[in-house]
Amino acid sequence: MNPIKDLRGIITVLNTPFTSDDKLDIQSLLKNVLLAIESGVAGFLVPAMASEVSKLSESEKNEMVIRVVEAADGRAAVIGGTSASSKEEMLRLAESNLKAGCQGILANIPYENDEQYEDAVRNLDALKPDFLMLQDWDFSGWGLPTSLIESLFREIPSFKCLKIETVPAGVKYSEILDKTEGKLHLSGGWAVSQMLEGLERGVHAFMPTGMHRIYCGIFEYFHSDRKKEARELFEKLQPVLAFSNQHLDISIHFFKRLLWKQGVYNTPSVRKPILPFDNIHLAEADYHIQKIIELERNLKV
């Protein structure tokens, strides 16, 4: 597939639902997949940081990917995450994701130096995925060097997508689009709170975990020359994002609770270790969740 053409819009990062006895809740996972497809998402990323991937076993990761590919059934792209504690497991996951039918794979490779990073990328490219998406995650700075990204794009055939989650993200979006002549697919993840800025800069996709209809609506409004409506809808999310995006752990707690309140997930359960979500958090979360449910109910897009 051609990500620039075929992967525009909202790519849902799937939170991992757990049963009350801490097992994977596949039934809830598939309900979320179907809800997202009905809402108009372009694809899925699974598993990833918002999936509590570091707390999933290799077999759990594989099962999630297989079941999501089956449920999507070609109606939305599936990007298989390869986050792992070792290079060997990362490659095994990449192979199993491709065997399961994922259109692409995502890799979050720790950066030590250019040579080390490029070597890891080449190992994944050797598996010949339709596309390789690299995750540029740095919550405190610029992330991967621009020169390295440009070099990899020119030299690695499968490297067609970059997920930018840096501080700041905006200028980097524009710089990478300029350096790659707009031919590298860019998506925003954690920086979804700057979604309108990203849209103005030409970002192709965004990767939130919930509020599928709202995010799809914003994207659709913007690209239908209805920027005023896009901004008005986005501004209604600001109190939610101010609360949910305090920290990744708070976001996981919040969006699982939203999916539970919406009747999609059977429990809002998370796995430890994770930051606590106390009674004040719960009260604030429930206030915002009610606003989201009302907003989606009245959404006309």
C-alpha atoms as a PDB file:
ATOM      1  CA  MET A   1       0.000   0.000   0.000  1.00  0.00           C
ATOM      2  CA  ASN A   2       1.002   3.621  -0.463  1.00  0.00           C
ATOM      3  CA  PRO A   3       0.708   5.255   2.991  1.00  0.00           C
ATOM      4  CA  ILE A   4       0.681   8.798   1.594  1.00  0.00           C
ATOM      5  CA  LYS A   5      -2.444   7.929  -0.400  1.00  0.00           C
ATOM      6  CA  ASP A   6      -4.057   5.147   1.627  1.00  0.00           C
ATOM      7  CA  LEU A   7      -3.291   6.009   5.254  1.00  0.00           C
ATOM      8  CA  ARG A   8      -4.763   9.455   5.791  1.00  0.00           C
ATOM      9  CA  GLY A   9      -6.912  10.294   8.777  1.00  0.00           C
ATOM     10  CA  ILE A  10      -7.204   8.708  12.198  1.00  0.00           C
ATOM     11  CA  ILE A  11      -5.161   5.640  13.127  1.00  0.00           C
ATOM     12  CA  THR A  12      -6.469   4.302  16.418  1.00  0.00           C
ATOM     13  CA  VAL A  13      -3.937   3.071  18.948  1.00  0.00           C
ATOM     14  CA  LEU A  14      -5.775   0.299  20.739  1.00  0.00           C
ATOM     15  CA  ASN A  15      -5.773   0.287  24.529  1.00  0.00           C
ATOM     16  CA  THR A  16      -5.505  -3.298  25.765  1.00  0.00           C
ATOM     17  CA  PRO A  17      -8.699  -4.403  27.543  1.00  0.00           C
ATOM     18  CA  PHE A  18      -8.280  -6.803  30.460  1.00  0.00           C
ATOM     19  CA  THR A  19     -10.787  -9.042  32.205  1.00  0.00           C
ATOM     20  CA  SER A  20     -11.391  -8.799  35.940  1.00  0.00           C
ATOM     21  CA  ASP A  21      -8.813 -11.572  36.403  1.00  0.00           C
ATOM     22  CA  ASP A  22      -6.183  -9.758  34.294  1.00  0.00           C
ATOM     23  CA  LYS A  23      -6.478 -11.750  31.076  1.00  0.00           C
ATOM     24  CA  LEU A  24      -6.778 -10.292  27.590  1.00  0.00           C
ATOM     25  CA  ASP A  25     -10.398  -9.394  26.866  1.00  0.00           C
ATOM     26  CA  ILE A  26     -10.563 -10.159  23.161  1.00  0.00           C
ATOM     27  CA  GLN A  27     -14.329  -9.600  22.989  1.00  0.00           C
ATOM     28  CA  SER A  28     -13.918  -5.999  24.171  1.00  0.00           C
ATOM     29  CA  LEU A  29     -10.941  -5.445  21.876  1.00  0.00           C
ATOM     30  CA  LEU A  30     -12.958  -6.480  18.839  1.00  0.00           C
ATOM     31  CA  LYS A  31     -15.898  -4.274  19.876  1.00  0.00           C
ATOM     32  CA  ASN A  32     -13.500  -1.332  19.910  1.00  0.00           C
ATOM     33  CA  VAL A  33     -12.145  -2.258  16.474  1.00  0.00           C
ATOM     34  CA  LEU A  34     -15.642  -2.403  14.980  1.00  0.00           C
ATOM     35  CA  LEU A  35     -16.686   0.866  16.641  1.00  0.00           C
ATOM     36  CA  ALA A  36     -13.604   2.599  15.256  1.00  0.00           C
ATOM     37  CA  ILE A  37     -14.195   1.261  11.744  1.00  0.00           C
ATOM     38  CA  GLU A  38     -17.810   2.449  11.864  1.00  0.00           C
ATOM     39  CA  SER A  39     -16.504   5.859  12.960  1.00  0.00           C
ATOM     40  CA  GLY A  40     -14.296   6.094   9.871  1.00  0.00           C
ATOM     41  CA  VAL A  41     -10.751   5.429  11.061  1.00  0.00           C
ATOM     42  CA  ALA A  42      -8.081   4.750   8.457  1.00  0.00           C
ATOM     43  CA  GLY A  43      -6.215   2.150  10.472  1.00  0.00           C
ATOM     44  CA  PHE A  44      -5.049   0.660  13.745  1.00  0.00           C
ATOM     45  CA  LEU A  45      -1.769   0.450  15.612  1.00  0.00           C
ATOM     46  CA  VAL A  46      -1.474  -2.516  17.960  1.00  0.00           C
ATOM     47  CA  PRO A  47       0.165  -3.027  20.374  1.00  0.00           C
ATOM     48  CA  ALA A  48       1.905   0.213  21.307  1.00  0.00           C
ATOM     49  CA  MET A  49       2.807   2.266  24.365  1.00  0.00           C
ATOM     50  CA  ALA A  50      -0.836   3.148  24.997  1.00  0.00           C
ATOM     51  CA  SER A  51      -1.564  -0.601  24.882  1.00  0.00           C
ATOM     52  CA  GLU A  52       0.633  -1.080  27.968  1.00  0.00           C
ATOM     53  CA  VAL A  53       2.896  -3.045  25.648  1.00  0.00           C
ATOM     54  CA  SER A  54       5.717  -3.377  28.174  1.00  0.00           C
ATOM     55  CA  LYS A  55       3.343  -5.375  30.393  1.00  0.00           C
ATOM     56  CA  LEU A  56       2.181  -7.775  27.682  1.00  0.00           C
ATOM     57  CA  SER A  57       3.728 -11.168  27.032  1.00  0.00           C
ATOM     58  CA  GLU A  58       4.951 -12.021  23.553  1.00  0.00           C
ATOM     59  CA  SER A  59       2.036 -14.420  23.077  1.00  0.00           C
ATOM     60  CA  GLU A  60      -0.451 -11.728  24.152  1.00  0.00           C
ATOM     61  CA  LYS A  61       1.027  -9.288  21.643  1.00  0.00           C
ATOM     62  CA  ASN A  62       0.742 -11.871  18.873  1.00  0.00           C
ATOM     63  CA  GLU A  63      -2.835 -12.771  19.761  1.00  0.00           C
ATOM     64  CA  MET A  64      -3.934  -9.136  19.743  1.00  0.00           C
ATOM     65  CA  VAL A  65      -2.452  -8.524  16.315  1.00  0.00           C
ATOM     66  CA  ILE A  66      -3.963 -11.668  14.809  1.00  0.00           C
ATOM     67  CA  ARG A  67      -7.441 -10.897  16.121  1.00  0.00           C
ATOM     68  CA  VAL A  68      -7.345  -7.231  15.056  1.00  0.00           C
ATOM     69  CA  VAL A  69      -6.249  -8.157  11.518  1.00  0.00           C
ATOM     70  CA  GLU A  70      -9.117 -10.656  11.325  1.00  0.00           C
ATOM     71  CA  ALA A  71     -11.657  -8.126  12.609  1.00  0.00           C
ATOM     72  CA  ALA A  72     -10.452  -5.303  10.364  1.00  0.00           C
ATOM     73  CA  ASP A  73     -10.796  -7.638   7.372  1.00  0.00           C
ATOM     74  CA  GLY A  74      -9.203  -5.170   4.975  1.00  0.00           C
ATOM     75  CA  ARG A  75     -11.551  -2.317   5.904  1.00  0.00           C
ATOM     76  CA  ALA A  76      -8.757  -0.482   7.729  1.00  0.00           C
ATOM     77  CA  ALA A  77      -4.998  -0.936   7.717  1.00  0.00           C
ATOM     78  CA  VAL A  78      -3.331  -2.666  10.652  1.00  0.00           C
ATOM     79  CA  ILE A  79       0.143  -1.648  11.788  1.00  0.00           C
ATOM     80  CA  GLY A  80       1.763  -4.218  14.040  1.00  0.00           C
ATOM     81  CA  GLY A  81       3.827  -2.866  16.913  1.00  0.00           C
ATOM     82  CA  THR A  82       7.184  -4.498  17.617  1.00  0.00           C
ATOM     83  CA  SER A  83       8.097  -2.992  20.992  1.00  0.00           C
ATOM     84  CA  ALA A  84      10.169  -5.527  22.919  1.00  0.00           C
ATOM     85  CA  SER A  85      12.841  -5.859  25.564  1.00  0.00           C
ATOM     86  CA  SER A  86      15.383  -7.331  23.120  1.00  0.00           C
ATOM     87  CA  LYS A  87      16.386  -7.054  19.457  1.00  0.00           C
ATOM     88  CA  GLU A  88      15.589 -10.718  18.999  1.00  0.00           C
ATOM     89  CA  GLU A  89      12.026 -10.366  20.260  1.00  0.00           C
ATOM     90  CA  MET A  90      11.520  -7.239  18.142  1.00  0.00           C
ATOM     91  CA  LEU A  91      12.441  -9.183  15.003  1.00  0.00           C
ATOM     92  CA  ARG A  92      10.247 -12.129  16.006  1.00  0.00           C
ATOM     93  CA  LEU A  93       7.301  -9.800  16.542  1.00  0.00           C
ATOM     94  CA  ALA A  94       7.927  -8.087  13.216  1.00  0.00           C
ATOM     95  CA  GLU A  95       7.928 -11.441  11.436  1.00  0.00           C
ATOM     96  CA  SER A  96       4.789 -12.663  13.194  1.00  0.00           C
ATOM     97  CA  ASN A  97       2.989  -9.360  12.530  1.00  0.00           C
ATOM     98  CA  LEU A  98       3.713  -9.606   8.819  1.00  0.00           C
ATOM     99  CA  LYS A  99       2.693 -13.271   8.769  1.00  0.00           C
ATOM    100  CA  ALA A 100      -0.598 -12.294  10.455  1.00  0.00           C
ATOM    101  CA  GLY A 101      -1.350  -9.908   7.593  1.00  0.00           C
ATOM    102  CA  CYS A 102      -0.321  -6.484   8.901  1.00  0.00           C
ATOM    103  CA  GLN A 103       0.163  -3.946   6.137  1.00  0.00           C
ATOM    104  CA  GLY A 104       3.024  -2.374   8.062  1.00  0.00           C
ATOM    105  CA  ILE A 105       5.064  -2.595  11.230  1.00  0.00           C
ATOM    106  CA  LEU A 106       6.042   0.048  13.765  1.00  0.00           C
ATOM    107  CA  ALA A 107       9.375   0.055  15.571  1.00  0.00           C
ATOM    108  CA  ASN A 108      10.346   2.126  18.589  1.00  0.00           C
ATOM    109  CA  ILE A 109      14.123   1.699  18.504  1.00  0.00           C
ATOM    110  CA  PRO A 110      16.191   3.211  21.334  1.00  0.00           C
ATOM    111  CA  TYR A 111      18.651   5.697  19.835  1.00  0.00           C
ATOM    112  CA  GLU A 112      22.306   5.416  20.850  1.00  0.00           C
ATOM    113  CA  ASN A 113      24.034   6.651  17.713  1.00  0.00           C
ATOM    114  CA  ASP A 114      23.322   6.853  13.988  1.00  0.00           C
ATOM    115  CA  GLU A 115      25.181   3.655  13.114  1.00  0.00           C
ATOM    116  CA  GLN A 116      23.436   1.553  15.769  1.00  0.00           C
ATOM    117  CA  TYR A 117      20.020   2.928  14.815  1.00  0.00           C
ATOM    118  CA  GLU A 118      20.493   2.423  11.081  1.00  0.00           C
ATOM    119  CA  ASP A 119      21.632  -1.161  11.638  1.00  0.00           C
ATOM    120  CA  ALA A 120      18.425  -1.931  13.556  1.00  0.00           C
ATOM    121  CA  VAL A 121      16.306  -0.341  10.822  1.00  0.00           C
ATOM    122  CA  ARG A 122      18.063  -2.363   8.120  1.00  0.00           C
ATOM    123  CA  ASN A 123      17.344  -5.586  10.006  1.00  0.00           C
ATOM    124  CA  LEU A 124      13.626  -4.751   9.932  1.00  0.00           C
ATOM    125  CA  ASP A 125      13.751  -3.641   6.300  1.00  0.00           C
ATOM    126  CA  ALA A 126      15.213  -7.039   5.394  1.00  0.00           C
ATOM    127  CA  LEU A 127      11.833  -8.566   6.300  1.00  0.00           C
ATOM    128  CA  LYS A 128      10.368  -6.578   3.380  1.00  0.00           C
ATOM    129  CA  PRO A 129       7.252  -5.100   4.983  1.00  0.00           C
ATOM    130  CA  ASP A 130       4.927  -3.055   2.776  1.00  0.00           C
ATOM    131  CA  PHE A 131       5.990  -0.190   4.978  1.00  0.00           C
ATOM    132  CA  LEU A 132       8.051   0.392   8.086  1.00  0.00           C
ATOM    133  CA  MET A 133       6.940   3.114  10.492  1.00  0.00           C
ATOM    134  CA  LEU A 134       9.557   4.432  12.899  1.00  0.00           C
ATOM    135  CA  GLN A 135       8.469   5.935  16.212  1.00  0.00           C
ATOM    136  CA  ASP A 136      10.304   9.141  17.041  1.00  0.00           C
ATOM    137  CA  TRP A 137       9.500   9.325  20.762  1.00  0.00           C
ATOM    138  CA  ASP A 138      11.204  11.885  22.977  1.00  0.00           C
ATOM    139  CA  PHE A 139       9.073  13.499  25.654  1.00  0.00           C
ATOM    140  CA  SER A 140      11.807  15.943  26.600  1.00  0.00           C
ATOM    141  CA  GLY A 141      13.392  17.043  23.352  1.00  0.00           C
ATOM    142  CA  TRP A 142      13.877  16.904  19.580  1.00  0.00           C
ATOM    143  CA  GLY A 143      14.146  13.128  19.209  1.00  0.00           C
ATOM    144  CA  LEU A 144      15.882  11.502  16.253  1.00  0.00           C
ATOM    145  CA  PRO A 145      18.299  13.740  14.331  1.00  0.00           C
ATOM    146  CA  THR A 146      16.714  15.172  11.208  1.00  0.00           C
ATOM    147  CA  SER A 147      19.789  14.243   9.180  1.00  0.00           C
ATOM    148  CA  LEU A 148      19.382  10.586  10.189  1.00  0.00           C
ATOM    149  CA  ILE A 149      15.694  10.537   9.270  1.00  0.00           C
ATOM    150  CA  GLU A 150      16.467  12.065   5.876  1.00  0.00           C
ATOM    151  CA  SER A 151      19.271   9.566   5.242  1.00  0.00           C
ATOM    152  CA  LEU A 152      17.146   6.567   6.212  1.00  0.00           C
ATOM    153  CA  PHE A 153      14.312   7.772   3.995  1.00  0.00           C
ATOM    154  CA  ARG A 154      16.658   7.977   1.001  1.00  0.00           C
ATOM    155  CA  GLU A 155      18.326   4.619   1.625  1.00  0.00           C
ATOM    156  CA  ILE A 156      15.818   2.238   3.258  1.00  0.00           C
ATOM    157  CA  PRO A 157      13.109   1.135   0.779  1.00  0.00           C
ATOM    158  CA  SER A 158      10.439   0.196   3.333  1.00  0.00           C
ATOM    159  CA  PHE A 159      10.851   3.287   5.535  1.00  0.00           C
ATOM    160  CA  LYS A 160       7.785   5.179   4.388  1.00  0.00           C
ATOM    161  CA  CYS A 161       6.264   6.417   7.664  1.00  0.00           C
ATOM    162  CA  LEU A 162       7.375   8.346  10.732  1.00  0.00           C
ATOM    163  CA  LYS A 163       5.370   8.763  13.925  1.00  0.00           C
ATOM    164  CA  ILE A 164       6.602  11.970  15.559  1.00  0.00           C
ATOM    165  CA  GLU A 165       6.098  12.308  19.316  1.00  0.00           C
ATOM    166  CA  THR A 166       8.623  14.905  20.355  1.00  0.00           C
ATOM    167  CA  VAL A 167       8.689  18.223  22.165  1.00  0.00           C
ATOM    168  CA  PRO A 168       8.067  20.312  20.192  1.00  0.00           C
ATOM    169  CA  ALA A 169       6.466  18.354  17.349  1.00  0.00           C
ATOM    170  CA  GLY A 170       5.246  21.206  15.134  1.00  0.00           C
ATOM    171  CA  VAL A 171       8.493  22.551  13.715  1.00  0.00           C
ATOM    172  CA  LYS A 172       9.787  19.019  13.250  1.00  0.00           C
ATOM    173  CA  TYR A 173       6.717  18.062  11.200  1.00  0.00           C
ATOM    174  CA  SER A 174       7.449  20.910   8.798  1.00  0.00           C
ATOM    175  CA  GLU A 175      11.183  20.270   8.676  1.00  0.00           C
ATOM    176  CA  ILE A 176      10.786  16.567   7.874  1.00  0.00           C
ATOM    177  CA  LEU A 177       8.133  17.235   5.238  1.00  0.00           C
ATOM    178  CA  ASP A 178      10.477  19.757   3.644  1.00  0.00           C
ATOM    179  CA  LYS A 179      13.537  17.490   3.744  1.00  0.00           C
ATOM    180  CA  THR A 180      11.619  14.553   2.240  1.00  0.00           C
ATOM    181  CA  GLU A 181       9.657  16.661  -0.272  1.00  0.00           C
ATOM    182  CA  GLY A 182       6.404  15.568   1.353  1.00  0.00           C
ATOM    183  CA  LYS A 183       7.019  11.930   0.411  1.00  0.00           C
ATOM    184  CA  LEU A 184       7.479  10.540   3.932  1.00  0.00           C
ATOM    185  CA  HIS A 185       4.165   9.795   5.648  1.00  0.00           C
ATOM    186  CA  LEU A 186       3.963  11.659   8.954  1.00  0.00           C
ATOM    187  CA  SER A 187       1.669  10.936  11.862  1.00  0.00           C
ATOM    188  CA  GLY A 188       1.239  12.621  15.211  1.00  0.00           C
ATOM    189  CA  GLY A 189       0.659  10.631  18.368  1.00  0.00           C
ATOM    190  CA  TRP A 190       1.094  12.238  21.764  1.00  0.00           C
ATOM    191  CA  ALA A 191       0.988  15.648  20.056  1.00  0.00           C
ATOM    192  CA  VAL A 192      -2.648  15.106  19.091  1.00  0.00           C
ATOM    193  CA  SER A 193      -3.321  17.996  21.475  1.00  0.00           C
ATOM    194  CA  GLN A 194      -1.819  20.150  18.707  1.00  0.00           C
ATOM    195  CA  MET A 195      -3.901  18.431  16.025  1.00  0.00           C
ATOM    196  CA  LEU A 196      -5.035  21.569  14.211  1.00  0.00           C
ATOM    197  CA  GLU A 197      -1.484  22.857  14.024  1.00  0.00           C
ATOM    198  CA  GLY A 198      -0.436  19.477  12.647  1.00  0.00           C
ATOM    199  CA  LEU A 199      -3.169  19.576  10.023  1.00  0.00           C
ATOM    200  CA  GLU A 200      -2.065  23.038   8.926  1.00  0.00           C
ATOM    201  CA  ARG A 201       1.503  21.742   8.608  1.00  0.00           C
ATOM    202  CA  GLY A 202       0.408  18.849   6.383  1.00  0.00           C
ATOM    203  CA  VAL A 203       0.555  15.885   8.772  1.00  0.00           C
ATOM    204  CA  HIS A 204      -1.135  12.898   7.143  1.00  0.00           C
ATOM    205  CA  ALA A 205      -2.529  11.014  10.150  1.00  0.00           C
ATOM    206  CA  PHE A 206      -3.078  11.228  13.894  1.00  0.00           C
ATOM    207  CA  MET A 207      -2.979   8.434  16.462  1.00  0.00           C
ATOM    208  CA  PRO A 208      -5.280   8.914  19.450  1.00  0.00           C
ATOM    209  CA  THR A 209      -6.738   6.055  21.502  1.00  0.00           C
ATOM    210  CA  GLY A 210     -10.385   7.032  21.880  1.00  0.00           C
ATOM    211  CA  MET A 211     -13.070   9.521  20.836  1.00  0.00           C
ATOM    212  CA  HIS A 212     -13.027   7.962  17.369  1.00  0.00           C
ATOM    213  CA  ARG A 213     -15.993   9.849  15.917  1.00  0.00           C
ATOM    214  CA  ILE A 214     -14.808  13.207  17.210  1.00  0.00           C
ATOM    215  CA  TYR A 215     -11.294  12.902  15.830  1.00  0.00           C
ATOM    216  CA  CYS A 216     -12.565  11.556  12.506  1.00  0.00           C
ATOM    217  CA  GLY A 217     -14.981  14.481  12.426  1.00  0.00           C
ATOM    218  CA  ILE A 218     -12.229  17.043  12.964  1.00  0.00           C
ATOM    219  CA  PHE A 219     -10.112  15.499  10.204  1.00  0.00           C
ATOM    220  CA  GLU A 220     -13.078  15.328   7.828  1.00  0.00           C
ATOM    221  CA  TYR A 221     -14.121  18.923   8.513  1.00  0.00           C
ATOM    222  CA  PHE A 222     -10.589  20.193   7.933  1.00  0.00           C
ATOM    223  CA  HIS A 223     -10.146  18.395   4.619  1.00  0.00           C
ATOM    224  CA  SER A 224     -13.605  19.409   3.413  1.00  0.00           C
ATOM    225  CA  ASP A 225     -12.688  23.105   3.621  1.00  0.00           C
ATOM    226  CA  ARG A 226     -14.747  23.469   6.789  1.00  0.00           C
ATOM    227  CA  LYS A 227     -11.901  24.627   8.984  1.00  0.00           C
ATOM    228  CA  LYS A 228     -14.164  26.725  11.182  1.00  0.00           C
ATOM    229  CA  GLU A 229     -16.168  23.641  12.167  1.00  0.00           C
ATOM    230  CA  ALA A 230     -12.947  21.667  12.637  1.00  0.00           C
ATOM    231  CA  ARG A 231     -11.632  24.284  15.035  1.00  0.00           C
ATOM    232  CA  GLU A 232     -14.902  24.592  16.936  1.00  0.00           C
ATOM    233  CA  LEU A 233     -15.080  20.828  17.443  1.00  0.00           C
ATOM    234  CA  PHE A 234     -11.420  20.597  18.415  1.00  0.00           C
ATOM    235  CA  GLU A 235     -11.781  23.404  20.945  1.00  0.00           C
ATOM    236  CA  LYS A 236     -14.469  21.396  22.722  1.00  0.00           C
ATOM    237  CA  LEU A 237     -11.814  18.751  23.427  1.00  0.00           C
ATOM    238  CA  GLN A 238      -9.358  21.092  25.122  1.00  0.00           C
ATOM    239  CA  PRO A 239     -10.546  20.508  28.722  1.00  0.00           C
ATOM    240  CA  VAL A 240     -10.436  16.753  28.078  1.00  0.00           C
ATOM    241  CA  LEU A 241      -6.915  16.838  26.653  1.00  0.00           C
ATOM    242  CA  ALA A 242      -5.691  19.094  29.451  1.00  0.00           C
ATOM    243  CA  PHE A 243      -6.732  16.357  31.864  1.00  0.00           C
ATOM    244  CA  SER A 244      -5.937  13.189  29.914  1.00  0.00           C
ATOM    245  CA  ASN A 245      -2.568  14.244  28.525  1.00  0.00           C
ATOM    246  CA  GLN A 246      -0.907  14.997  31.856  1.00  0.00           C
ATOM    247  CA  HIS A 247       1.008  11.732  31.510  1.00  0.00           C
ATOM    248  CA  LEU A 248       0.788   8.578  29.411  1.00  0.00           C
ATOM    249  CA  ASP A 249      -0.425   6.583  32.429  1.00  0.00           C
ATOM    250  CA  ILE A 250      -3.221   9.078  33.115  1.00  0.00           C
ATOM    251  CA  SER A 251      -4.213   8.857  29.459  1.00  0.00           C
ATOM    252  CA  ILE A 252      -4.387   5.053  29.654  1.00  0.00           C
ATOM    253  CA  HIS A 253      -6.542   5.187  32.777  1.00  0.00           C
ATOM    254  CA  PHE A 254      -8.815   7.828  31.267  1.00  0.00           C
ATOM    255  CA  PHE A 255      -9.459   6.343  27.849  1.00  0.00           C
ATOM    256  CA  LYS A 256      -9.995   2.855  29.206  1.00  0.00           C
ATOM    257  CA  ARG A 257     -12.553   4.325  31.576  1.00  0.00           C
ATOM    258  CA  LEU A 258     -14.194   6.145  28.660  1.00  0.00           C
ATOM    259  CA  LEU A 259     -14.432   2.909  26.663  1.00  0.00           C
ATOM    260  CA  TRP A 260     -15.843   1.155  29.723  1.00  0.00           C
ATOM    261  CA  LYS A 261     -18.456   3.886  30.278  1.00  0.00           C
ATOM    262  CA  GLN A 262     -19.374   3.665  26.587  1.00  0.00           C
ATOM    263  CA  GLY A 263     -20.042  -0.055  26.989  1.00  0.00           C
ATOM    264  CA  VAL A 264     -17.168  -1.041  24.711  1.00  0.00           C
ATOM    265  CA  TYR A 265     -14.813  -2.491  27.345  1.00  0.00           C
ATOM    266  CA  ASN A 266     -16.074  -4.797  30.075  1.00  0.00           C
ATOM    267  CA  THR A 267     -13.705  -3.307  32.661  1.00  0.00           C
ATOM    268  CA  PRO A 268     -11.453  -0.226  32.923  1.00  0.00           C
ATOM    269  CA  SER A 269      -8.681  -2.452  34.309  1.00  0.00           C
ATOM    270  CA  VAL A 270      -5.016  -1.581  33.855  1.00  0.00           C
ATOM    271  CA  ARG A 271      -1.853  -3.489  34.660  1.00  0.00           C
ATOM    272  CA  LYS A 272       0.680  -2.418  37.245  1.00  0.00           C
ATOM    273  CA  PRO A 273       3.094  -0.771  37.545  1.00  0.00           C
ATOM    274  CA  ILE A 274       1.199   2.361  36.563  1.00  0.00           C
ATOM    275  CA  LEU A 275       0.589   5.754  38.145  1.00  0.00           C
ATOM    276  CA  PRO A 276      -2.359   5.769  40.566  1.00  0.00           C
ATOM    277  CA  PHE A 277      -5.753   7.075  39.480  1.00  0.00           C
ATOM    278  CA  ASP A 278      -7.386   8.230  42.701  1.00  0.00           C
ATOM    279  CA  ASN A 279     -10.878   9.401  43.635  1.00  0.00           C
ATOM    280  CA  ILE A 280     -10.224  12.964  42.480  1.00  0.00           C
ATOM    281  CA  HIS A 281      -9.027  11.634  39.133  1.00  0.00           C
ATOM    282  CA  LEU A 282     -12.135   9.463  38.875  1.00  0.00           C
ATOM    283  CA  ALA A 283     -14.471  12.378  39.534  1.00  0.00           C
ATOM    284  CA  GLU A 284     -12.704  14.578  36.986  1.00  0.00           C
ATOM    285  CA  ALA A 285     -12.616  11.750  34.461  1.00  0.00           C
ATOM    286  CA  ASP A 286     -16.323  11.048  34.792  1.00  0.00           C
ATOM    287  CA  TYR A 287     -17.144  14.730  34.287  1.00  0.00           C
ATOM    288  CA  HIS A 288     -15.171  14.824  31.030  1.00  0.00           C
ATOM    289  CA  ILE A 289     -16.474  11.442  29.895  1.00  0.00           C
ATOM    290  CA  GLN A 290     -20.062  12.642  30.173  1.00  0.00           C
ATOM    291  CA  LYS A 291     -19.174  15.660  28.017  1.00  0.00           C
ATOM    292  CA  ILE A 292     -17.587  13.372  25.398  1.00  0.00           C
ATOM    293  CA  ILE A 293     -20.609  11.073  25.280  1.00  0.00           C
ATOM    294  CA  GLU A 294     -22.940  14.056  24.815  1.00  0.00           C
ATOM    295  CA  LEU A 295     -20.673  15.542  22.148  1.00  0.00           C
ATOM    296  CA  GLU A 296     -20.557  12.307  20.150  1.00  0.00           C
ATOM    297  CA  ARG A 297     -24.319  11.869  20.473  1.00  0.00           C
ATOM    298  CA  ASN A 298     -24.908  15.298  18.913  1.00  0.00           C
ATOM    299  CA  LEU A 299     -22.169  15.096  16.279  1.00  0.00           C
ATOM    300  CA  LYS A 300     -23.550  15.652  12.783  1.00  0.00           C
ATOM    301  CA  VAL A 301     -20.446  15.042  10.648  1.00  0.00           C
END
